[in-house]
């Protein structure tokens, strides 16, 4: 990341925007890697799925908060604990929203598939 920062410094005013975009991409990649928690060769039971969701959420929060520390981002003020709590709440809200949309899409696809199978094997 340091090499990219040195290169971007020669670009002038556009440096700030490109650096922010690279940071967002890096944090997104770290957050996407947490989906490997869900990899399994068999179908997971509800308790296993719940535990893996909790672990994934913890890893995403850890990745985003550590990125704000190590990359010296000014997304939150570490002096005020309310800012940190609100930031974690926003991450939690986004995670719940994405999980709910994913559950809805999966349920819809599953019900369509079940309906087609019922029609085929009547």
PDB file of N, CA and C in Angstrom:
ATOM      1  N   UNK A   1       0.832  -1.190   0.000  1.00  0.00           N
ATOM      2  CA  UNK A   1       0.000   0.000   0.000  1.00  0.00           C
ATOM      3  C   UNK A   1       0.876   1.252   0.000  1.00  0.00           C
ATOM      4  N   UNK A   2       2.058   1.169   0.620  1.00  0.00           N
ATOM      5  CA  UNK A   2       2.947   2.324   0.682  1.00  0.00           C
ATOM      6  C   UNK A   2       3.447   2.698  -0.705  1.00  0.00           C
ATOM      7  N   UNK A   3       3.731   1.690  -1.552  1.00  0.00           N
ATOM      8  CA  UNK A   3       4.192   1.969  -2.917  1.00  0.00           C
ATOM      9  C   UNK A   3       3.109   2.680  -3.696  1.00  0.00           C
ATOM     10  N   UNK A   4       1.875   2.237  -3.526  1.00  0.00           N
ATOM     11  CA  UNK A   4       0.752   2.883  -4.209  1.00  0.00           C
ATOM     12  C   UNK A   4       0.600   4.316  -3.725  1.00  0.00           C
ATOM     13  N   UNK A   5       0.750   4.556  -2.424  1.00  0.00           N
ATOM     14  CA  UNK A   5       0.640   5.907  -1.882  1.00  0.00           C
ATOM     15  C   UNK A   5       1.719   6.816  -2.440  1.00  0.00           C
ATOM     16  N   UNK A   6       2.946   6.316  -2.550  1.00  0.00           N
ATOM     17  CA  UNK A   6       4.038   7.133  -3.101  1.00  0.00           C
ATOM     18  C   UNK A   6       3.747   7.479  -4.547  1.00  0.00           C
ATOM     19  N   UNK A   7       3.268   6.498  -5.326  1.00  0.00           N
ATOM     20  CA  UNK A   7       2.933   6.751  -6.728  1.00  0.00           C
ATOM     21  C   UNK A   7       1.810   7.770  -6.842  1.00  0.00           C
ATOM     22  N   UNK A   8       0.803   7.659  -5.997  1.00  0.00           N
ATOM     23  CA  UNK A   8      -0.351   8.546  -6.087  1.00  0.00           C
ATOM     24  C   UNK A   8      -0.028   9.973  -5.665  1.00  0.00           C
ATOM     25  N   UNK A   9       1.033  10.165  -4.879  1.00  0.00           N
ATOM     26  CA  UNK A   9       1.392  11.518  -4.458  1.00  0.00           C
ATOM     27  C   UNK A   9       1.819  12.381  -5.639  1.00  0.00           C
ATOM     28  N   UNK A  10       2.317  11.774  -6.688  1.00  0.00           N
ATOM     29  CA  UNK A  10       2.740  12.514  -7.875  1.00  0.00           C
ATOM     30  C   UNK A  10       1.569  12.946  -8.741  1.00  0.00           C
ATOM     31  N   UNK A  11       0.382  12.472  -8.436  1.00  0.00           N
ATOM     32  CA  UNK A  11      -0.779  12.775  -9.264  1.00  0.00           C
ATOM     33  C   UNK A  11      -1.486  14.063  -8.840  1.00  0.00           C
ATOM     34  N   UNK A  12      -1.091  14.664  -7.770  1.00  0.00           N
ATOM     35  CA  UNK A  12      -1.660  15.947  -7.374  1.00  0.00           C
ATOM     36  C   UNK A  12      -2.954  15.807  -6.599  1.00  0.00           C
ATOM     37  N   UNK A  13      -3.960  16.613  -6.982  1.00  0.00           N
ATOM     38  CA  UNK A  13      -5.226  16.679  -6.245  1.00  0.00           C
ATOM     39  C   UNK A  13      -6.013  15.376  -6.285  1.00  0.00           C
ATOM     40  N   UNK A  14      -5.842  14.600  -7.334  1.00  0.00           N
ATOM     41  CA  UNK A  14      -6.593  13.348  -7.445  1.00  0.00           C
ATOM     42  C   UNK A  14      -6.100  12.290  -6.468  1.00  0.00           C
ATOM     43  N   UNK A  15      -5.001  12.548  -5.804  1.00  0.00           N
ATOM     44  CA  UNK A  15      -4.428  11.572  -4.863  1.00  0.00           C
ATOM     45  C   UNK A  15      -5.411  11.188  -3.773  1.00  0.00           C
ATOM     46  N   UNK A  16      -6.084  12.176  -3.210  1.00  0.00           N
ATOM     47  CA  UNK A  16      -6.982  11.925  -2.082  1.00  0.00           C
ATOM     48  C   UNK A  16      -8.100  10.977  -2.500  1.00  0.00           C
ATOM     49  N   UNK A  17      -8.703  11.214  -3.652  1.00  0.00           N
ATOM     50  CA  UNK A  17      -9.820  10.397  -4.086  1.00  0.00           C
ATOM     51  C   UNK A  17      -9.374   8.977  -4.432  1.00  0.00           C
ATOM     52  N   UNK A  18      -8.250   8.833  -5.119  1.00  0.00           N
ATOM     53  CA  UNK A  18      -7.757   7.509  -5.470  1.00  0.00           C
ATOM     54  C   UNK A  18      -7.325   6.732  -4.233  1.00  0.00           C
ATOM     55  N   UNK A  19      -6.697   7.396  -3.291  1.00  0.00           N
ATOM     56  CA  UNK A  19      -6.287   6.728  -2.061  1.00  0.00           C
ATOM     57  C   UNK A  19      -7.502   6.234  -1.290  1.00  0.00           C
ATOM     58  N   UNK A  20      -8.541   7.054  -1.188  1.00  0.00           N
ATOM     59  CA  UNK A  20      -9.755   6.644  -0.498  1.00  0.00           C
ATOM     60  C   UNK A  20     -10.409   5.451  -1.197  1.00  0.00           C
ATOM     61  N   UNK A  21     -10.420   5.464  -2.532  1.00  0.00           N
ATOM     62  CA  UNK A  21     -11.011   4.347  -3.265  1.00  0.00           C
ATOM     63  C   UNK A  21     -10.216   3.060  -3.033  1.00  0.00           C
ATOM     64  N   UNK A  22      -8.883   3.159  -3.002  1.00  0.00           N
ATOM     65  CA  UNK A  22      -8.065   1.974  -2.747  1.00  0.00           C
ATOM     66  C   UNK A  22      -8.278   1.439  -1.335  1.00  0.00           C
ATOM     67  N   UNK A  23      -8.434   2.333  -0.378  1.00  0.00           N
ATOM     68  CA  UNK A  23      -8.690   1.902   1.001  1.00  0.00           C
ATOM     69  C   UNK A  23     -10.039   1.203   1.081  1.00  0.00           C
ATOM     70  N   UNK A  24     -11.048   1.751   0.443  1.00  0.00           N
ATOM     71  CA  UNK A  24     -12.371   1.137   0.456  1.00  0.00           C
ATOM     72  C   UNK A  24     -12.327  -0.237  -0.205  1.00  0.00           C
ATOM     73  N   UNK A  25     -11.592  -0.362  -1.305  1.00  0.00           N
ATOM     74  CA  UNK A  25     -11.452  -1.664  -1.959  1.00  0.00           C
ATOM     75  C   UNK A  25     -10.715  -2.661  -1.067  1.00  0.00           C
ATOM     76  N   UNK A  26      -9.687  -2.208  -0.365  1.00  0.00           N
ATOM     77  CA  UNK A  26      -8.937  -3.101   0.524  1.00  0.00           C
ATOM     78  C   UNK A  26      -9.811  -3.587   1.678  1.00  0.00           C
ATOM     79  N   UNK A  27     -10.571  -2.689   2.275  1.00  0.00           N
ATOM     80  CA  UNK A  27     -11.452  -3.074   3.386  1.00  0.00           C
ATOM     81  C   UNK A  27     -12.556  -4.000   2.870  1.00  0.00           C
ATOM     82  N   UNK A  28     -13.060  -3.737   1.675  1.00  0.00           N
ATOM     83  CA  UNK A  28     -14.087  -4.606   1.094  1.00  0.00           C
ATOM     84  C   UNK A  28     -13.535  -6.005   0.840  1.00  0.00           C
ATOM     85  N   UNK A  29     -12.302  -6.074   0.351  1.00  0.00           N
ATOM     86  CA  UNK A  29     -11.688  -7.386   0.108  1.00  0.00           C
ATOM     87  C   UNK A  29     -11.496  -8.149   1.419  1.00  0.00           C
ATOM     88  N   UNK A  30     -11.051  -7.463   2.465  1.00  0.00           N
ATOM     89  CA  UNK A  30     -10.905  -8.117   3.767  1.00  0.00           C
ATOM     90  C   UNK A  30     -12.256  -8.616   4.281  1.00  0.00           C
ATOM     91  N   UNK A  31     -13.276  -7.820   4.101  1.00  0.00           N
ATOM     92  CA  UNK A  31     -14.611  -8.215   4.568  1.00  0.00           C
ATOM     93  C   UNK A  31     -15.162  -9.379   3.742  1.00  0.00           C
ATOM     94  N   UNK A  32     -14.873  -9.388   2.453  1.00  0.00           N
ATOM     95  CA  UNK A  32     -15.357 -10.478   1.604  1.00  0.00           C
ATOM     96  C   UNK A  32     -14.667 -11.801   1.937  1.00  0.00           C
ATOM     97  N   UNK A  33     -13.428 -11.733   2.389  1.00  0.00           N
ATOM     98  CA  UNK A  33     -12.708 -12.957   2.749  1.00  0.00           C
ATOM     99  C   UNK A  33     -13.347 -13.678   3.923  1.00  0.00           C
ATOM    100  N   UNK A  34     -14.118 -12.961   4.711  1.00  0.00           N
ATOM    101  CA  UNK A  34     -14.758 -13.607   5.859  1.00  0.00           C
ATOM    102  C   UNK A  34     -15.852 -14.583   5.432  1.00  0.00           C
ATOM    103  N   UNK A  35     -16.266 -14.545   4.183  1.00  0.00           N
ATOM    104  CA  UNK A  35     -17.287 -15.473   3.706  1.00  0.00           C
ATOM    105  C   UNK A  35     -16.776 -16.907   3.640  1.00  0.00           C
ATOM    106  N   UNK A  36     -15.461 -17.095   3.716  1.00  0.00           N
ATOM    107  CA  UNK A  36     -14.923 -18.449   3.760  1.00  0.00           C
ATOM    108  C   UNK A  36     -15.320 -19.169   5.043  1.00  0.00           C
ATOM    109  N   UNK A  37     -15.804 -18.440   6.014  1.00  0.00           N
ATOM    110  CA  UNK A  37     -16.294 -19.051   7.250  1.00  0.00           C
ATOM    111  C   UNK A  37     -17.468 -19.970   6.949  1.00  0.00           C
ATOM    112  N   UNK A  38     -18.233 -19.663   5.914  1.00  0.00           N
ATOM    113  CA  UNK A  38     -19.438 -20.420   5.598  1.00  0.00           C
ATOM    114  C   UNK A  38     -19.170 -21.650   4.735  1.00  0.00           C
ATOM    115  N   UNK A  39     -17.943 -21.848   4.298  1.00  0.00           N
ATOM    116  CA  UNK A  39     -17.634 -23.001   3.446  1.00  0.00           C
ATOM    117  C   UNK A  39     -17.822 -24.298   4.224  1.00  0.00           C
ATOM    118  N   UNK A  40     -18.564 -25.217   3.618  1.00  0.00           N
ATOM    119  CA  UNK A  40     -18.790 -26.515   4.237  1.00  0.00           C
ATOM    120  C   UNK A  40     -19.115 -27.516   3.133  1.00  0.00           C
ATOM    121  N   UNK A  41     -18.712 -28.754   3.329  1.00  0.00           N
ATOM    122  CA  UNK A  41     -19.001 -29.787   2.338  1.00  0.00           C
ATOM    123  C   UNK A  41     -20.401 -30.360   2.496  1.00  0.00           C
ATOM    124  N   UNK A  42     -21.041 -30.060   3.599  1.00  0.00           N
ATOM    125  CA  UNK A  42     -22.396 -30.544   3.849  1.00  0.00           C
ATOM    126  C   UNK A  42     -23.280 -29.363   4.229  1.00  0.00           C
ATOM    127  N   UNK A  43     -24.573 -29.599   4.236  1.00  0.00           N
ATOM    128  CA  UNK A  43     -25.503 -28.542   4.625  1.00  0.00           C
ATOM    129  C   UNK A  43     -25.404 -28.316   6.133  1.00  0.00           C
ATOM    130  N   UNK A  44     -25.346 -27.062   6.509  1.00  0.00           N
ATOM    131  CA  UNK A  44     -25.166 -26.723   7.920  1.00  0.00           C
ATOM    132  C   UNK A  44     -26.499 -26.754   8.663  1.00  0.00           C
ATOM    133  N   UNK A  45     -26.446 -27.162   9.931  1.00  0.00           N
ATOM    134  CA  UNK A  45     -27.622 -27.085  10.791  1.00  0.00           C
ATOM    135  C   UNK A  45     -27.818 -25.633  11.212  1.00  0.00           C
ATOM    136  N   UNK A  46     -28.964 -25.338  11.768  1.00  0.00           N
ATOM    137  CA  UNK A  46     -29.287 -23.948  12.147  1.00  0.00           C
ATOM    138  C   UNK A  46     -28.306 -23.384  13.167  1.00  0.00           C
ATOM    139  N   UNK A  47     -27.952 -24.176  14.157  1.00  0.00           N
ATOM    140  CA  UNK A  47     -27.018 -23.704  15.175  1.00  0.00           C
ATOM    141  C   UNK A  47     -25.637 -23.441  14.567  1.00  0.00           C
ATOM    142  N   UNK A  48     -25.185 -24.334  13.708  1.00  0.00           N
ATOM    143  CA  UNK A  48     -23.889 -24.131  13.045  1.00  0.00           C
ATOM    144  C   UNK A  48     -23.912 -22.882  12.172  1.00  0.00           C
ATOM    145  N   UNK A  49     -25.010 -22.685  11.465  1.00  0.00           N
ATOM    146  CA  UNK A  49     -25.138 -21.505  10.618  1.00  0.00           C
ATOM    147  C   UNK A  49     -25.154 -20.229  11.455  1.00  0.00           C
ATOM    148  N   UNK A  50     -25.865 -20.257  12.584  1.00  0.00           N
ATOM    149  CA  UNK A  50     -25.908 -19.093  13.466  1.00  0.00           C
ATOM    150  C   UNK A  50     -24.521 -18.772  14.016  1.00  0.00           C
ATOM    151  N   UNK A  51     -23.787 -19.794  14.445  1.00  0.00           N
ATOM    152  CA  UNK A  51     -22.432 -19.588  14.976  1.00  0.00           C
ATOM    153  C   UNK A  51     -21.525 -19.016  13.892  1.00  0.00           C
ATOM    154  N   UNK A  52     -21.662 -19.514  12.676  1.00  0.00           N
ATOM    155  CA  UNK A  52     -20.822 -19.010  11.579  1.00  0.00           C
ATOM    156  C   UNK A  52     -21.194 -17.573  11.205  1.00  0.00           C
ATOM    157  N   UNK A  53     -22.483 -17.232  11.299  1.00  0.00           N
ATOM    158  CA  UNK A  53     -22.877 -15.836  11.062  1.00  0.00           C
ATOM    159  C   UNK A  53     -22.266 -14.924  12.119  1.00  0.00           C
ATOM    160  N   UNK A  54     -22.307 -15.341  13.372  1.00  0.00           N
ATOM    161  CA  UNK A  54     -21.715 -14.539  14.459  1.00  0.00           C
ATOM    162  C   UNK A  54     -20.207 -14.378  14.260  1.00  0.00           C
ATOM    163  N   UNK A  55     -19.541 -15.452  13.879  1.00  0.00           N
ATOM    164  CA  UNK A  55     -18.105 -15.396  13.633  1.00  0.00           C
ATOM    165  C   UNK A  55     -17.779 -14.491  12.452  1.00  0.00           C
ATOM    166  N   UNK A  56     -18.577 -14.590  11.405  1.00  0.00           N
ATOM    167  CA  UNK A  56     -18.374 -13.736  10.239  1.00  0.00           C
ATOM    168  C   UNK A  56     -18.564 -12.259  10.591  1.00  0.00           C
ATOM    169  N   UNK A  57     -19.618 -11.964  11.361  1.00  0.00           N
ATOM    170  CA  UNK A  57     -19.859 -10.582  11.781  1.00  0.00           C
ATOM    171  C   UNK A  57     -18.708 -10.060  12.625  1.00  0.00           C
ATOM    172  N   UNK A  58     -18.220 -10.871  13.551  1.00  0.00           N
ATOM    173  CA  UNK A  58     -17.086 -10.471  14.377  1.00  0.00           C
ATOM    174  C   UNK A  58     -15.852 -10.190  13.512  1.00  0.00           C
ATOM    175  N   UNK A  59     -15.590 -11.041  12.528  1.00  0.00           N
ATOM    176  CA  UNK A  59     -14.429 -10.844  11.661  1.00  0.00           C
ATOM    177  C   UNK A  59     -14.562  -9.585  10.808  1.00  0.00           C
ATOM    178  N   UNK A  60     -15.775  -9.297  10.339  1.00  0.00           N
ATOM    179  CA  UNK A  60     -15.982  -8.083   9.549  1.00  0.00           C
ATOM    180  C   UNK A  60     -15.755  -6.841  10.409  1.00  0.00           C
ATOM    181  N   UNK A  61     -16.318  -6.835  11.611  1.00  0.00           N
ATOM    182  CA  UNK A  61     -16.117  -5.690  12.505  1.00  0.00           C
ATOM    183  C   UNK A  61     -14.637  -5.533  12.831  1.00  0.00           C
ATOM    184  N   UNK A  62     -13.955  -6.643  13.097  1.00  0.00           N
ATOM    185  CA  UNK A  62     -12.515  -6.582  13.392  1.00  0.00           C
ATOM    186  C   UNK A  62     -11.727  -6.066  12.198  1.00  0.00           C
ATOM    187  N   UNK A  63     -12.087  -6.497  10.990  1.00  0.00           N
ATOM    188  CA  UNK A  63     -11.369  -6.052   9.793  1.00  0.00           C
ATOM    189  C   UNK A  63     -11.553  -4.558   9.566  1.00  0.00           C
ATOM    190  N   UNK A  64     -12.783  -4.078   9.708  1.00  0.00           N
ATOM    191  CA  UNK A  64     -13.048  -2.657   9.456  1.00  0.00           C
ATOM    192  C   UNK A  64     -12.413  -1.784  10.541  1.00  0.00           C
ATOM    193  N   UNK A  65     -12.555  -2.179  11.790  1.00  0.00           N
ATOM    194  CA  UNK A  65     -11.958  -1.374  12.867  1.00  0.00           C
ATOM    195  C   UNK A  65     -10.436  -1.408  12.814  1.00  0.00           C
ATOM    196  N   UNK A  66      -9.853  -2.561  12.501  1.00  0.00           N
ATOM    197  CA  UNK A  66      -8.385  -2.601  12.396  1.00  0.00           C
ATOM    198  C   UNK A  66      -7.903  -1.807  11.198  1.00  0.00           C
ATOM    199  N   UNK A  67      -8.681  -1.771  10.133  1.00  0.00           N
ATOM    200  CA  UNK A  67      -8.296  -0.958   8.976  1.00  0.00           C
ATOM    201  C   UNK A  67      -8.309   0.526   9.337  1.00  0.00           C
ATOM    202  N   UNK A  68      -9.271   0.939  10.152  1.00  0.00           N
ATOM    203  CA  UNK A  68      -9.294   2.353  10.539  1.00  0.00           C
ATOM    204  C   UNK A  68      -8.102   2.703  11.421  1.00  0.00           C
ATOM    205  N   UNK A  69      -7.594   1.729  12.167  1.00  0.00           N
ATOM    206  CA  UNK A  69      -6.431   1.986  13.024  1.00  0.00           C
ATOM    207  C   UNK A  69      -5.143   1.954  12.209  1.00  0.00           C
ATOM    208  N   UNK A  70      -4.915   0.851  11.483  1.00  0.00           N
ATOM    209  CA  UNK A  70      -3.640   0.647  10.813  1.00  0.00           C
ATOM    210  C   UNK A  70      -3.459   1.531   9.582  1.00  0.00           C
ATOM    211  N   UNK A  71      -4.548   1.854   8.905  1.00  0.00           N
ATOM    212  CA  UNK A  71      -4.442   2.712   7.730  1.00  0.00           C
ATOM    213  C   UNK A  71      -4.618   4.183   8.084  1.00  0.00           C
ATOM    214  N   UNK A  72      -4.766   4.465   9.368  1.00  0.00           N
ATOM    215  CA  UNK A  72      -4.908   5.825   9.888  1.00  0.00           C
ATOM    216  C   UNK A  72      -6.040   6.590   9.203  1.00  0.00           C
ATOM    217  N   UNK A  73      -7.172   5.910   9.087  1.00  0.00           N
ATOM    218  CA  UNK A  73      -8.352   6.543   8.497  1.00  0.00           C
ATOM    219  C   UNK A  73      -9.050   7.377   9.552  1.00  0.00           C
ATOM    220  N   UNK A  74      -9.718   8.399   9.129  1.00  0.00           N
ATOM    221  CA  UNK A  74     -10.434   9.267  10.062  1.00  0.00           C
ATOM    222  C   UNK A  74     -11.941   9.054   9.927  1.00  0.00           C
ATOM    223  N   UNK A  75     -12.344   7.784   9.873  1.00  0.00           N
ATOM    224  CA  UNK A  75     -13.760   7.485   9.743  1.00  0.00           C
ATOM    225  C   UNK A  75     -14.481   7.683  11.062  1.00  0.00           C
ATOM    226  N   UNK A  76     -13.796   7.450  12.171  1.00  0.00           N
ATOM    227  CA  UNK A  76     -14.408   7.618  13.487  1.00  0.00           C
ATOM    228  C   UNK A  76     -13.412   8.296  14.421  1.00  0.00           C
ATOM    229  N   UNK A  77     -13.945   8.876  15.476  1.00  0.00           N
ATOM    230  CA  UNK A  77     -13.106   9.486  16.503  1.00  0.00           C
ATOM    231  C   UNK A  77     -12.940   8.479  17.628  1.00  0.00           C
ATOM    232  N   UNK A  78     -11.695   8.059  17.881  1.00  0.00           N
ATOM    233  CA  UNK A  78     -11.438   7.061  18.915  1.00  0.00           C
ATOM    234  C   UNK A  78     -11.530   7.663  20.313  1.00  0.00           C
ATOM    235  N   UNK A  79     -11.561   8.976  20.427  1.00  0.00           N
ATOM    236  CA  UNK A  79     -11.658   9.614  21.731  1.00  0.00           C
ATOM    237  C   UNK A  79     -13.054   9.465  22.349  1.00  0.00           C
ATOM    238  N   UNK A  80     -14.055   9.400  21.496  1.00  0.00           N
ATOM    239  CA  UNK A  80     -15.436   9.322  21.964  1.00  0.00           C
ATOM    240  C   UNK A  80     -15.981   7.904  21.743  1.00  0.00           C
ATOM    241  N   UNK A  81     -16.274   7.169  22.805  1.00  0.00           N
ATOM    242  CA  UNK A  81     -16.755   5.784  22.629  1.00  0.00           C
ATOM    243  C   UNK A  81     -18.103   5.703  21.906  1.00  0.00           C
ATOM    244  N   UNK A  82     -18.873   6.777  21.957  1.00  0.00           N
ATOM    245  CA  UNK A  82     -20.165   6.785  21.250  1.00  0.00           C
ATOM    246  C   UNK A  82     -19.942   6.658  19.752  1.00  0.00           C
ATOM    247  N   UNK A  83     -18.891   7.290  19.210  1.00  0.00           N
ATOM    248  CA  UNK A  83     -18.594   7.176  17.772  1.00  0.00           C
ATOM    249  C   UNK A  83     -18.292   5.739  17.400  1.00  0.00           C
ATOM    250  N   UNK A  84     -17.525   5.053  18.232  1.00  0.00           N
ATOM    251  CA  UNK A  84     -17.180   3.653  17.959  1.00  0.00           C
ATOM    252  C   UNK A  84     -18.429   2.783  18.013  1.00  0.00           C
ATOM    253  N   UNK A  85     -19.281   3.014  19.000  1.00  0.00           N
ATOM    254  CA  UNK A  85     -20.510   2.227  19.132  1.00  0.00           C
ATOM    255  C   UNK A  85     -21.430   2.465  17.940  1.00  0.00           C
ATOM    256  N   UNK A  86     -21.554   3.709  17.515  1.00  0.00           N
ATOM    257  CA  UNK A  86     -22.394   4.017  16.348  1.00  0.00           C
ATOM    258  C   UNK A  86     -21.815   3.374  15.094  1.00  0.00           C
ATOM    259  N   UNK A  87     -20.490   3.419  14.938  1.00  0.00           N
ATOM    260  CA  UNK A  87     -19.838   2.823  13.775  1.00  0.00           C
ATOM    261  C   UNK A  87     -20.069   1.305  13.742  1.00  0.00           C
ATOM    262  N   UNK A  88     -19.924   0.648  14.883  1.00  0.00           N
ATOM    263  CA  UNK A  88     -20.181  -0.793  14.959  1.00  0.00           C
ATOM    264  C   UNK A  88     -21.668  -1.065  14.706  1.00  0.00           C
ATOM    265  N   UNK A  89     -22.538  -0.188  15.185  1.00  0.00           N
ATOM    266  CA  UNK A  89     -23.975  -0.326  14.922  1.00  0.00           C
ATOM    267  C   UNK A  89     -24.310  -0.219  13.448  1.00  0.00           C
ATOM    268  N   UNK A  90     -23.637   0.683  12.746  1.00  0.00           N
ATOM    269  CA  UNK A  90     -23.850   0.813  11.300  1.00  0.00           C
ATOM    270  C   UNK A  90     -23.402  -0.464  10.587  1.00  0.00           C
ATOM    271  N   UNK A  91     -22.246  -0.986  10.982  1.00  0.00           N
ATOM    272  CA  UNK A  91     -21.760  -2.235  10.391  1.00  0.00           C
ATOM    273  C   UNK A  91     -22.751  -3.361  10.665  1.00  0.00           C
ATOM    274  N   UNK A  92     -23.252  -3.437  11.894  1.00  0.00           N
ATOM    275  CA  UNK A  92     -24.230  -4.462  12.265  1.00  0.00           C
ATOM    276  C   UNK A  92     -25.517  -4.315  11.447  1.00  0.00           C
ATOM    277  N   UNK A  93     -25.983  -3.087  11.289  1.00  0.00           N
ATOM    278  CA  UNK A  93     -27.196  -2.847  10.509  1.00  0.00           C
ATOM    279  C   UNK A  93     -27.039  -3.266   9.053  1.00  0.00           C
ATOM    280  N   UNK A  94     -25.910  -2.935   8.453  1.00  0.00           N
ATOM    281  CA  UNK A  94     -25.659  -3.328   7.064  1.00  0.00           C
ATOM    282  C   UNK A  94     -25.577  -4.842   6.958  1.00  0.00           C
ATOM    283  N   UNK A  95     -24.916  -5.478   7.916  1.00  0.00           N
ATOM    284  CA  UNK A  95     -24.796  -6.938   7.897  1.00  0.00           C
ATOM    285  C   UNK A  95     -26.167  -7.598   8.004  1.00  0.00           C
ATOM    286  N   UNK A  96     -27.010  -7.102   8.891  1.00  0.00           N
ATOM    287  CA  UNK A  96     -28.352  -7.672   9.049  1.00  0.00           C
ATOM    288  C   UNK A  96     -29.173  -7.471   7.782  1.00  0.00           C
ATOM    289  N   UNK A  97     -29.086  -6.295   7.175  1.00  0.00           N
ATOM    290  CA  UNK A  97     -29.828  -6.016   5.946  1.00  0.00           C
ATOM    291  C   UNK A  97     -29.395  -6.943   4.817  1.00  0.00           C
ATOM    292  N   UNK A  98     -28.096  -7.098   4.633  1.00  0.00           N
ATOM    293  CA  UNK A  98     -27.592  -7.972   3.568  1.00  0.00           C
ATOM    294  C   UNK A  98     -27.972  -9.425   3.833  1.00  0.00           C
ATOM    295  N   UNK A  99     -27.895  -9.855   5.086  1.00  0.00           N
ATOM    296  CA  UNK A  99     -28.271 -11.225   5.430  1.00  0.00           C
ATOM    297  C   UNK A  99     -29.768 -11.452   5.196  1.00  0.00           C
ATOM    298  N   UNK A 100     -30.592 -10.483   5.520  1.00  0.00           N
ATOM    299  CA  UNK A 100     -32.037 -10.611   5.299  1.00  0.00           C
ATOM    300  C   UNK A 100     -32.362 -10.686   3.805  1.00  0.00           C
ATOM    301  N   UNK A 101     -31.717  -9.853   3.004  1.00  0.00           N
ATOM    302  CA  UNK A 101     -31.944  -9.894   1.555  1.00  0.00           C
ATOM    303  C   UNK A 101     -31.493 -11.240   0.997  1.00  0.00           C
ATOM    304  N   UNK A 102     -30.340 -11.722   1.460  1.00  0.00           N
ATOM    305  CA  UNK A 102     -29.832 -13.015   1.010  1.00  0.00           C
ATOM    306  C   UNK A 102     -30.792 -14.135   1.389  1.00  0.00           C
ATOM    307  N   UNK A 103     -31.320 -14.103   2.611  1.00  0.00           N
ATOM    308  CA  UNK A 103     -32.272 -15.115   3.060  1.00  0.00           C
ATOM    309  C   UNK A 103     -33.542 -15.075   2.212  1.00  0.00           C
ATOM    310  N   UNK A 104     -34.040 -13.872   1.912  1.00  0.00           N
ATOM    311  CA  UNK A 104     -35.251 -13.733   1.105  1.00  0.00           C
ATOM    312  C   UNK A 104     -35.033 -14.291  -0.298  1.00  0.00           C
ATOM    313  N   UNK A 105     -33.895 -13.947  -0.919  1.00  0.00           N
ATOM    314  CA  UNK A 105     -33.618 -14.430  -2.270  1.00  0.00           C
ATOM    315  C   UNK A 105     -33.463 -15.951  -2.290  1.00  0.00           C
ATOM    316  N   UNK A 106     -32.805 -16.499  -1.289  1.00  0.00           N
ATOM    317  CA  UNK A 106     -32.622 -17.946  -1.214  1.00  0.00           C
ATOM    318  C   UNK A 106     -33.951 -18.656  -1.010  1.00  0.00           C
ATOM    319  N   UNK A 107     -34.786 -18.115  -0.133  1.00  0.00           N
ATOM    320  CA  UNK A 107     -36.098 -18.703   0.111  1.00  0.00           C
ATOM    321  C   UNK A 107     -36.961 -18.657  -1.143  1.00  0.00           C
ATOM    322  N   UNK A 108     -36.917 -17.553  -1.867  1.00  0.00           N
ATOM    323  CA  UNK A 108     -37.693 -17.412  -3.090  1.00  0.00           C
ATOM    324  C   UNK A 108     -37.235 -18.420  -4.147  1.00  0.00           C
ATOM    325  N   UNK A 109     -35.918 -18.543  -4.313  1.00  0.00           N
ATOM    326  CA  UNK A 109     -35.389 -19.492  -5.292  1.00  0.00           C
ATOM    327  C   UNK A 109     -35.704 -20.929  -4.900  1.00  0.00           C
ATOM    328  N   UNK A 110     -35.634 -21.233  -3.622  1.00  0.00           N
ATOM    329  CA  UNK A 110     -35.921 -22.577  -3.142  1.00  0.00           C
ATOM    330  C   UNK A 110     -37.387 -22.936  -3.361  1.00  0.00           C
ATOM    331  N   UNK A 111     -38.281 -22.004  -3.082  1.00  0.00           N
ATOM    332  CA  UNK A 111     -39.710 -22.290  -3.268  1.00  0.00           C
ATOM    333  C   UNK A 111     -40.050 -22.469  -4.748  1.00  0.00           C
ATOM    334  N   UNK A 112     -39.411 -21.679  -5.622  1.00  0.00           N
ATOM    335  CA  UNK A 112     -39.636 -21.866  -7.064  1.00  0.00           C
ATOM    336  C   UNK A 112     -39.148 -23.238  -7.516  1.00  0.00           C
ATOM    337  N   UNK A 113     -37.980 -23.633  -7.031  1.00  0.00           N
ATOM    338  CA  UNK A 113     -37.432 -24.940  -7.387  1.00  0.00           C
ATOM    339  C   UNK A 113     -38.320 -26.067  -6.859  1.00  0.00           C
ATOM    340  N   UNK A 114     -38.805 -25.949  -5.642  1.00  0.00           N
ATOM    341  CA  UNK A 114     -39.688 -26.958  -5.068  1.00  0.00           C
ATOM    342  C   UNK A 114     -40.992 -27.053  -5.862  1.00  0.00           C
ATOM    343  N   UNK A 115     -41.526 -25.934  -6.296  1.00  0.00           N
ATOM    344  CA  UNK A 115     -42.752 -25.924  -7.093  1.00  0.00           C
ATOM    345  C   UNK A 115     -42.538 -26.623  -8.425  1.00  0.00           C
ATOM    346  N   UNK A 116     -41.411 -26.355  -9.085  1.00  0.00           N
ATOM    347  CA  UNK A 116     -41.116 -27.006 -10.357  1.00  0.00           C
ATOM    348  C   UNK A 116     -40.940 -28.515 -10.182  1.00  0.00           C
ATOM    349  N   UNK A 117     -40.305 -28.912  -9.073  1.00  0.00           N
ATOM    350  CA  UNK A 117     -40.137 -30.335  -8.826  1.00  0.00           C
ATOM    351  C   UNK A 117     -41.469 -31.023  -8.557  1.00  0.00           C
ATOM    352  N   UNK A 118     -42.386 -30.344  -7.855  1.00  0.00           N
ATOM    353  CA  UNK A 118     -43.728 -30.903  -7.610  1.00  0.00           C
ATOM    354  C   UNK A 118     -44.472 -31.097  -8.905  1.00  0.00           C
ATOM    355  N   UNK A 119     -44.395 -30.100  -9.805  1.00  0.00           N
ATOM    356  CA  UNK A 119     -45.083 -30.195 -11.088  1.00  0.00           C
ATOM    357  C   UNK A 119     -44.493 -31.313 -11.945  1.00  0.00           C
ATOM    358  N   UNK A 120     -43.213 -31.469 -11.896  1.00  0.00           N
ATOM    359  CA  UNK A 120     -42.545 -32.465 -12.752  1.00  0.00           C
ATOM    360  C   UNK A 120     -42.835 -33.888 -12.284  1.00  0.00           C
ATOM    361  N   UNK A 121     -42.862 -34.114 -10.981  1.00  0.00           N
ATOM    362  CA  UNK A 121     -43.043 -35.461 -10.448  1.00  0.00           C
ATOM    363  C   UNK A 121     -44.436 -35.729  -9.886  1.00  0.00           C
ATOM    364  N   UNK A 122     -45.448 -35.109 -10.475  1.00  0.00           N
ATOM    365  CA  UNK A 122     -46.834 -35.324 -10.048  1.00  0.00           C
ATOM    366  C   UNK A 122     -47.264 -36.721 -10.334  1.00  0.00           C
TER     367      UNK A 122
END
